[in-house]
Amino acid sequence: MKRGLIVVVLMLVAAWALFLRDEEHRAPGAPIARLDVGALLSGSVDGFETVTDPREFEFPADHGAHPKYRIEWWYFTGHLRSAAGHRLGFQLTFFRFALNVASPGEAVSMSGLTASGSSETASNWSAKNVYMAHFAVTDITRGVFHSFERLSREAVGLAGTTTVPFQVWTEDWSATSATDEFLPLHLEASEGSVSLSLSVQSGKPFVAQGNNGYSQKSDAAGNASHYYSYTRLPANGHVSLDDESFAVSGDVWLDREWSTSALAVGQVGWDWFAIQLDDGREIMFYQLRTDDGEIDPHSAGVLVRGDGTSLILGSTDVFTEALEHWSPPDARGRYPVRWRMDIERLGLSVEISAALHEQEHTHSVRYWEGAADVHGLEAGEEITGKAYIEMTGYADER
C-alpha cells in the first residue's frame, strides 16, 4: 500500500529536475522549453482510472506498466550475506509517474512542457511518464549506509518498462527478466564505488494484498491500489563497496503496486514492516498515521505461511509501539529505530530493531528505509528473523 503520497511528491520534483537538465543540453537557437509546475502540482486525476474494486491479477501483463493509472512502483529490498559472514541490506526501487494521459499510440509531450511561442508538439523527447529510482546498500557489518537517486523521463530510451520479456530501467539501473518468464530476474545498479549485481530466482508464489489485491487507503472512493508481493525470493550475486567485492546470497522481497489517488487528508505518514522469519514465514504490515496521532483503521497486513498460504491481518490484529528513536545529525527528524510488534491471535510478540540507525534517505523527499533484525517469542517459543522498515512523515522538511 504504502508509498502513494511519497511517490507523487518525488515524481513532481523529478519532472522539474529533468527539465533543468534537458535545458543544459538544448541545441543553440532551439526554442526554450517551459514547464508548467502549477499544472503538475495540481494533482488532477482527470483522465486516469482509479482503483475502486478487486480484480484478478493477469500475468505477465501486470508485471509491466499500467499507463491508465497515475502512479506505479517496483520495490525490491533484501538481506544478503557473504560466505565469510559479511552482512548487507539493499534497496532498488523504480517509480513511474504519469504526467498526462494519451490515447493508445498517441505521441504525448511532457505535461506543461512546450516550446516557447509554439504549440505542444511530439518529438523524440516527448514523454508521458517520468521515472525515479532509489538504490541503497546498508553495510551492516561496517555500519555504513549508501543511498542514491536517479531521475529520468521516458524518452529516447532513458527510462521505461517492457512486459515480455519484463524490464524496468532508469538509465543504467535495471531489473530484467532472464527469459520471457518473469522470474528469474537480474538486478543491476552502480553508483561510484557502490554496485549491485544480483540474480533473483523463483521462490514463494506471489501473495495478493488486501481484498484479492485491492488495498483500500481511506473511506474515499478511489483511494486504493492494486497490490501484490513476492515475499521471499532467493538471490545470489555480487556487491561492491569501494575496492572490495563480496559474493553474496540471501532473500529478496518485491512489492508491486499501482493506483491514481493519493492518501486522504489527515493521513500524515506510514510505517511499513516487511518481516522474513527464519522459520520460513513472512509478515507484512503497514500502519497509516493520522494527524491526531492515531492509527488509521485502513492499516492492514498479511501473514504468509511456509507453504505460501496467507492470513489477512486487519488494523486491530497488530499492535505496535516505538521503543527507541534516532535523530539525524541535522536534527531535522526523529525516527523510531526499535519497535515492539504484538499479534495476539498468533501469540506473537517481537522486537524489530534497526540494524543501523543511519538509514535515512535525503533525496527529493526525506524518509527512512532500511534493514532490521527481529527477535521475540511466539507461544513461548523463540523466533528470529530479518525485516525492512519504511517510515515517512517523521522528517522536518522546513
Foldseek 3Di string as FASTA:
>chain_A
DACFVVLLLVFLVLVVVVLVVVQVVDDPPFFRKDADSVLSVVLDCPQADFDFDADADDPPVQVFDDQSAFKKKKKKKWWKAFPVGFTKIKIKMKMKGFQDDDDPPDAAARVRIDGPPDDRDHDQRGAGIKMKIKIWMQRLVVQDIDIDMAIGGPGPPQFGFDRQQTKGDHHPFIWTDPHSDPPFIWTWDDDPQKIDTKTWGDDFDKDQADPNQWQAQDPDRRNTKRKIKDQWTKMWDWIGHRHDIGTIITTMMIIIITGHDHHDPFQQKKKWKWWQWPVQKIKIWMWTAGPVGDTDQSTWIWIQDNNRDIDIGTPVQKDKDQDDWDAPPVRQFIGRAKMWMDRVVQQWIKIKGFSHRPQWDDDSFIWGKGKTWIWTDTPRHIIITIMIMIIDNGGRPD
